């Protein structure tokens, strides 16, 4: 705390230092009090933390000095390209560049991650943060993957729309219709709505032959009443890849494809909900971005190889 008094000994200012960076200041003048939150600008420095996975990436990243929020940001940024829960293994290495602010040679914030190099066996995964706050790969390509609304090569008539209050055509009871039905003839090629991993491919009394694909941490899709399944659990699929032939299996009133989109496990209307898009670094910024990303990657490689 610090304070000042005028010539008459009356308190004129009172300052409470909350930290090296922030302080609260009160000014007293003719019976009035003015308050201001003051901030000291420090110097940004690039700090690199490295680690080797022994039990889990989360645990080793925490030991290296990252915060839970920083780790979550990395996991979310890479959700389409690398699943830390399934693909991270003992012996993997990582080097992470953090922009930290220092005042009087002391860190005053956890900082923002600017780059990461993750070495999984003989595979290197690198990401770099652009000025827009988003991470991209070394070439400036988005880490996200887009999803398509229609899982067929051409558009078919919608025979039943997404309707959480629908009356079931067979039972007559109110039964939510958590997907969109396309009137596809038996044998129509069914295409993956996006890049992902097949987590289910089996037969069910009601759904018939069906497939579930997980797209990153946020989205998954389901394909029901199939005639034939062309993939198996664990398969990695790409957007537009043929995964099945549509059919009329399970509880069905006729040949069709039932398609569902789930966000964090909850069904949403695939025909209307905003879908993720994958935009690269703008062309006017690409050259500078690539130069900076290359320099950051080389620095992280040196730390891992050194």
Protein backbone atom coordinates (compact mmCIF):
# COMPACT_ATOMS: atom_id res chain seq x y z
CA UNK A 1 0.00 0.00 0.00
CA UNK A 2 1.08 3.58 -0.53
CA UNK A 3 -0.58 6.94 0.01
CA UNK A 4 0.01 10.66 -0.37
CA UNK A 5 -1.15 13.59 1.71
CA UNK A 6 -1.46 17.26 0.84
CA UNK A 7 0.14 20.22 2.68
CA UNK A 8 -2.66 20.17 5.25
CA UNK A 9 -2.05 16.50 5.98
CA UNK A 10 -5.23 15.33 4.29
CA UNK A 11 -5.19 12.09 2.31
CA UNK A 12 -5.01 12.84 -1.42
CA UNK A 13 -4.31 9.44 -3.00
CA UNK A 14 -4.34 5.87 -1.77
CA UNK A 15 -2.95 3.04 -3.91
CA UNK A 16 -3.36 -0.65 -3.25
CA UNK A 17 -0.94 -2.85 -5.22
CA UNK A 18 -2.81 -6.07 -5.97
CA UNK A 19 0.16 -7.48 -7.89
CA UNK A 20 3.15 -6.38 -9.91
CA UNK A 21 0.78 -5.78 -12.81
CA UNK A 22 -2.40 -4.33 -11.29
CA UNK A 23 -3.07 -1.68 -8.66
CA UNK A 24 -6.19 0.11 -7.41
CA UNK A 25 -5.88 3.86 -6.97
CA UNK A 26 -8.26 6.20 -5.11
CA UNK A 27 -8.06 9.99 -5.40
CA UNK A 28 -9.71 12.26 -2.82
CA UNK A 29 -10.64 15.78 -3.91
CA UNK A 30 -13.13 18.13 -2.23
CA UNK A 31 -15.15 15.33 -0.69
CA UNK A 32 -15.25 13.27 -3.88
CA UNK A 33 -13.50 9.96 -4.53
CA UNK A 34 -12.21 8.91 -7.93
CA UNK A 35 -11.26 5.28 -8.56
CA UNK A 36 -9.00 3.86 -11.29
CA UNK A 37 -7.67 0.40 -12.05
CA UNK A 38 -4.08 0.87 -13.18
CA UNK A 39 -2.03 -1.63 -15.15
CA UNK A 40 1.72 -1.89 -15.64
CA UNK A 41 2.79 -3.16 -19.05
CA UNK A 42 5.59 -5.70 -18.88
CA UNK A 43 7.91 -7.24 -21.45
CA UNK A 44 6.78 -10.27 -23.48
CA UNK A 45 9.29 -13.08 -23.69
CA UNK A 46 9.05 -16.47 -25.38
CA UNK A 47 9.48 -19.29 -22.87
CA UNK A 48 9.78 -22.91 -23.98
CA UNK A 49 8.69 -25.82 -21.80
CA UNK A 50 9.52 -29.40 -22.72
CA UNK A 51 8.41 -32.76 -21.42
CA UNK A 52 8.12 -36.48 -22.03
CA UNK A 53 4.90 -38.42 -21.50
CA UNK A 54 5.17 -41.02 -18.73
CA UNK A 55 1.53 -41.49 -17.73
CA UNK A 56 -0.57 -38.91 -19.61
CA UNK A 57 -0.02 -35.74 -21.61
CA UNK A 58 -2.14 -33.77 -19.14
CA UNK A 59 -0.07 -34.81 -16.14
CA UNK A 60 3.28 -34.17 -17.80
CA UNK A 61 2.12 -30.83 -19.24
CA UNK A 62 1.04 -29.74 -15.74
CA UNK A 63 4.43 -30.76 -14.35
CA UNK A 64 6.09 -28.75 -17.13
CA UNK A 65 4.24 -25.64 -15.93
CA UNK A 66 1.15 -25.35 -18.11
CA UNK A 67 -2.22 -24.43 -16.60
CA UNK A 68 -5.33 -26.62 -17.04
CA UNK A 69 -6.80 -23.93 -19.31
CA UNK A 70 -3.71 -23.89 -21.53
CA UNK A 71 -3.79 -27.68 -21.83
CA UNK A 72 -7.48 -27.63 -22.69
CA UNK A 73 -6.84 -25.06 -25.42
CA UNK A 74 -4.23 -27.35 -26.98
CA UNK A 75 -6.46 -30.41 -26.75
CA UNK A 76 -9.35 -28.51 -28.35
CA UNK A 77 -7.16 -27.04 -31.10
CA UNK A 78 -5.89 -30.50 -32.09
CA UNK A 79 -9.11 -32.44 -31.62
CA UNK A 80 -9.47 -33.16 -35.36
CA UNK A 81 -5.86 -34.24 -35.86
CA UNK A 82 -4.74 -35.92 -32.66
CA UNK A 83 -6.64 -37.45 -29.76
CA UNK A 84 -4.46 -37.10 -26.66
CA UNK A 85 -6.64 -39.57 -24.79
CA UNK A 86 -6.31 -42.38 -27.34
CA UNK A 87 -3.20 -41.63 -29.37
CA UNK A 88 -0.80 -40.27 -26.76
CA UNK A 89 1.64 -42.90 -25.49
CA UNK A 90 4.46 -43.27 -23.02
CA UNK A 91 7.66 -41.83 -24.46
CA UNK A 92 6.02 -39.11 -26.57
CA UNK A 93 7.80 -35.75 -26.33
CA UNK A 94 6.55 -32.19 -26.52
CA UNK A 95 7.98 -28.70 -26.69
CA UNK A 96 5.64 -25.76 -26.14
CA UNK A 97 6.37 -22.08 -26.69
CA UNK A 98 4.58 -19.66 -24.36
CA UNK A 99 4.52 -15.86 -24.62
CA UNK A 100 4.89 -14.75 -21.01
CA UNK A 101 4.83 -11.25 -19.62
CA UNK A 102 7.57 -10.22 -17.20
CA UNK A 103 7.86 -7.22 -14.90
CA UNK A 104 11.13 -6.75 -13.01
CA UNK A 105 12.19 -10.15 -14.35
CA UNK A 106 9.22 -11.83 -12.69
CA UNK A 107 6.38 -13.56 -14.61
CA UNK A 108 3.04 -11.84 -14.06
CA UNK A 109 0.80 -14.18 -16.10
CA UNK A 110 0.66 -17.76 -17.32
CA UNK A 111 0.88 -16.40 -20.87
CA UNK A 112 -0.55 -17.52 -24.19
CA UNK A 113 0.73 -20.56 -26.04
CA UNK A 114 2.15 -19.52 -29.41
CA UNK A 115 3.42 -22.85 -30.76
CA UNK A 116 3.65 -26.55 -29.96
CA UNK A 117 5.62 -29.46 -31.38
CA UNK A 118 4.36 -32.88 -30.26
CA UNK A 119 6.43 -35.92 -31.21
CA UNK A 120 4.38 -39.14 -31.19
CA UNK A 121 6.81 -41.87 -32.21
CA UNK A 122 8.07 -40.92 -35.68
CA UNK A 123 5.21 -38.46 -36.23
CA UNK A 124 5.66 -34.74 -35.56
CA UNK A 125 2.58 -32.59 -34.99
CA UNK A 126 3.16 -28.83 -35.10
CA UNK A 127 0.74 -25.95 -34.57
CA UNK A 128 1.25 -22.19 -34.52
CA UNK A 129 -1.01 -19.39 -33.32
CA UNK A 130 -1.87 -16.64 -35.81
CA UNK A 131 -2.67 -13.04 -34.84
CA UNK A 132 -6.39 -13.92 -34.98
CA UNK A 133 -5.90 -16.13 -31.92
CA UNK A 134 -6.45 -19.42 -33.77
CA UNK A 135 -3.96 -22.24 -34.30
CA UNK A 136 -2.93 -23.43 -37.77
CA UNK A 137 -0.45 -25.93 -39.16
CA UNK A 138 2.91 -24.95 -40.63
CA UNK A 139 1.38 -24.16 -44.03
CA UNK A 140 -1.33 -21.95 -42.55
CA UNK A 141 -4.09 -24.54 -43.00
CA UNK A 142 -6.89 -24.66 -40.45
CA UNK A 143 -6.79 -27.41 -37.84
CA UNK A 144 -10.57 -27.67 -37.99
CA UNK A 145 -12.49 -29.99 -40.28
CA UNK A 146 -15.74 -29.03 -41.91
CA UNK A 147 -18.86 -31.20 -41.75
CA UNK A 148 -21.36 -31.74 -44.55
CA UNK A 149 -25.10 -31.63 -43.96
CA UNK A 150 -26.03 -34.35 -46.46
CA UNK A 151 -24.23 -37.74 -46.33
CA UNK A 152 -24.97 -38.72 -49.93
CA UNK A 153 -23.47 -37.83 -53.30
CA UNK A 154 -26.66 -36.08 -54.40
CA UNK A 155 -29.61 -34.61 -52.58
CA UNK A 156 -32.59 -36.89 -51.92
CA UNK A 157 -36.07 -35.92 -50.77
CA UNK A 158 -36.38 -35.48 -47.00
CA UNK A 159 -39.13 -37.87 -45.95
CA UNK A 160 -39.02 -36.96 -42.26
CA UNK A 161 -37.35 -33.89 -40.73
CA UNK A 162 -35.70 -33.40 -37.37
CA UNK A 163 -38.56 -33.05 -34.88
CA UNK A 164 -38.23 -33.44 -31.10
CA UNK A 165 -42.08 -33.62 -30.83
CA UNK A 166 -42.86 -36.03 -33.67
CA UNK A 167 -45.53 -38.72 -33.43
CA UNK A 168 -43.95 -42.04 -34.35
CA UNK A 169 -45.41 -43.43 -37.63
CA UNK A 170 -45.51 -47.02 -36.30
CA UNK A 171 -46.27 -46.74 -32.56
CA UNK A 172 -48.37 -43.56 -32.78
CA UNK A 173 -46.71 -42.24 -29.64
CA UNK A 174 -44.88 -38.94 -29.22
CA UNK A 175 -41.32 -39.95 -29.96
CA UNK A 176 -38.58 -37.43 -30.81
CA UNK A 177 -37.12 -37.81 -34.28
CA UNK A 178 -33.50 -36.93 -33.60
CA UNK A 179 -32.34 -37.01 -37.19
CA UNK A 180 -33.23 -36.41 -40.82
CA UNK A 181 -34.64 -39.16 -43.07
CA UNK A 182 -33.66 -39.16 -46.74
CA UNK A 183 -35.77 -41.20 -49.17
CA UNK A 184 -32.85 -43.15 -50.63
CA UNK A 185 -33.32 -46.37 -52.64
CA UNK A 186 -31.75 -49.51 -51.18
CA UNK A 187 -28.07 -49.63 -52.16
CA UNK A 188 -27.45 -45.87 -52.26
CA UNK A 189 -23.88 -44.97 -51.26
CA UNK A 190 -23.69 -43.41 -47.79
CA UNK A 191 -20.79 -41.00 -47.32
CA UNK A 192 -19.00 -39.90 -44.15
CA UNK A 193 -20.14 -36.40 -43.18
CA UNK A 194 -16.61 -35.49 -42.09
CA UNK A 195 -13.20 -36.78 -41.08
CA UNK A 196 -13.40 -38.98 -38.02
CA UNK A 197 -13.09 -42.39 -36.37
CA UNK A 198 -15.71 -45.14 -36.56
CA UNK A 199 -16.73 -45.99 -32.98
CA UNK A 200 -19.69 -48.29 -33.74
CA UNK A 201 -20.65 -50.44 -36.73
CA UNK A 202 -23.21 -53.06 -35.78
CA UNK A 203 -26.79 -54.31 -35.96
CA UNK A 204 -29.64 -53.21 -33.69
CA UNK A 205 -33.28 -54.41 -33.54
CA UNK A 206 -34.61 -50.86 -34.01
CA UNK A 207 -31.81 -48.99 -35.81
CA UNK A 208 -30.97 -51.95 -38.06
CA UNK A 209 -27.45 -51.89 -39.40
CA UNK A 210 -25.96 -48.63 -38.19
CA UNK A 211 -22.70 -46.68 -37.90
CA UNK A 212 -21.48 -44.05 -35.44
CA UNK A 213 -18.54 -41.79 -36.34
CA UNK A 214 -16.78 -39.48 -33.88
CA UNK A 215 -15.55 -36.20 -35.37
CA UNK A 216 -13.13 -34.68 -32.89
CA UNK A 217 -14.29 -34.05 -29.34
CA UNK A 218 -17.41 -32.06 -30.16
CA UNK A 219 -19.34 -33.79 -32.95
CA UNK A 220 -20.46 -37.28 -33.90
CA UNK A 221 -22.79 -38.62 -36.61
CA UNK A 222 -25.08 -41.67 -36.84
CA UNK A 223 -26.29 -43.51 -39.94
CA UNK A 224 -29.23 -45.93 -39.45
CA UNK A 225 -31.22 -48.63 -41.34
CA UNK A 226 -28.29 -49.51 -43.58
CA UNK A 227 -28.28 -52.37 -46.08
CA UNK A 228 -24.55 -53.00 -45.81
CA UNK A 229 -21.77 -51.66 -43.59
CA UNK A 230 -18.42 -51.04 -45.30
CA UNK A 231 -16.30 -49.95 -42.31
CA UNK A 232 -15.45 -51.32 -38.87
CA UNK A 233 -14.83 -49.78 -35.44
CA UNK A 234 -11.44 -48.09 -35.24
CA UNK A 235 -11.33 -47.15 -38.94
CA UNK A 236 -10.28 -43.59 -39.73
CA UNK A 237 -12.53 -42.14 -42.43
CA UNK A 238 -12.41 -38.98 -44.52
CA UNK A 239 -15.20 -36.63 -45.51
CA UNK A 240 -17.01 -38.05 -48.53
CA UNK A 241 -15.66 -41.58 -48.07
CA UNK A 242 -18.21 -44.34 -48.79
CA UNK A 243 -18.98 -46.06 -45.50
CA UNK A 244 -22.19 -47.99 -46.22
CA UNK A 245 -25.11 -48.70 -48.54
CA UNK A 246 -28.52 -47.42 -47.45
CA UNK A 247 -31.27 -49.89 -46.79
CA UNK A 248 -34.47 -50.74 -44.94
CA UNK A 249 -33.28 -52.67 -41.87
CA UNK A 250 -34.53 -52.42 -38.29
CA UNK A 251 -37.79 -50.64 -37.47
CA UNK A 252 -38.44 -48.89 -40.76
CA UNK A 253 -41.52 -48.10 -42.86
CA UNK A 254 -39.60 -48.13 -46.13
CA UNK A 255 -36.17 -47.70 -47.73
CA UNK A 256 -34.46 -44.61 -46.38
CA UNK A 257 -31.35 -43.27 -44.64
CA UNK A 258 -31.71 -41.88 -41.13
CA UNK A 259 -28.89 -39.39 -40.45
CA UNK A 260 -28.13 -37.80 -37.07
CA UNK A 261 -25.72 -35.10 -35.98
CA UNK A 262 -24.82 -34.90 -32.29
CA UNK A 263 -22.99 -32.06 -30.55
CA UNK A 264 -21.46 -33.05 -27.22
CA UNK A 265 -23.73 -36.09 -27.29
CA UNK A 266 -26.97 -34.15 -27.84
CA UNK A 267 -28.86 -34.42 -31.17
CA UNK A 268 -29.12 -31.23 -33.22
CA UNK A 269 -30.76 -30.42 -36.54
CA UNK A 270 -28.07 -31.12 -39.14
CA UNK A 271 -30.02 -29.14 -41.75
CA UNK A 272 -30.02 -25.90 -39.75
CA UNK A 273 -27.39 -25.85 -37.01
CA UNK A 274 -24.21 -23.83 -37.79
CA UNK A 275 -21.45 -26.24 -38.78
CA UNK A 276 -17.68 -25.84 -38.30
CA UNK A 277 -15.80 -24.39 -41.24
CA UNK A 278 -12.14 -24.72 -42.12
CA UNK A 279 -10.58 -21.48 -43.37
CA UNK A 280 -6.78 -21.11 -43.86
CA UNK A 281 -4.71 -18.09 -42.88
CA UNK A 282 -5.73 -15.25 -45.26
CA UNK A 283 -3.58 -15.13 -48.39
CA UNK A 284 -2.29 -11.62 -47.60
CA UNK A 285 -0.91 -12.90 -44.27
CA UNK A 286 0.29 -16.30 -45.44
CA UNK A 287 3.91 -15.48 -46.29
CA UNK A 288 4.63 -13.79 -42.96
CA UNK A 289 2.80 -16.55 -41.09
CA UNK A 290 4.77 -19.33 -42.79
CA UNK A 291 8.08 -17.60 -42.07
CA UNK A 292 7.24 -17.13 -38.39
CA UNK A 293 5.88 -20.67 -38.04
CA UNK A 294 8.99 -22.18 -39.65
CA UNK A 295 11.24 -20.24 -37.29
CA UNK A 296 9.21 -21.36 -34.25
CA UNK A 297 9.22 -25.00 -35.38
CA UNK A 298 12.98 -25.02 -35.85
CA UNK A 299 13.46 -23.61 -32.35
CA UNK A 300 11.23 -26.30 -30.83
CA UNK A 301 12.94 -29.06 -32.83
CA UNK A 302 16.29 -27.92 -31.46
CA UNK A 303 14.95 -28.20 -27.90
CA UNK A 304 13.66 -31.73 -28.48
CA UNK A 305 16.74 -32.87 -30.36
CA UNK A 306 19.16 -31.20 -28.00
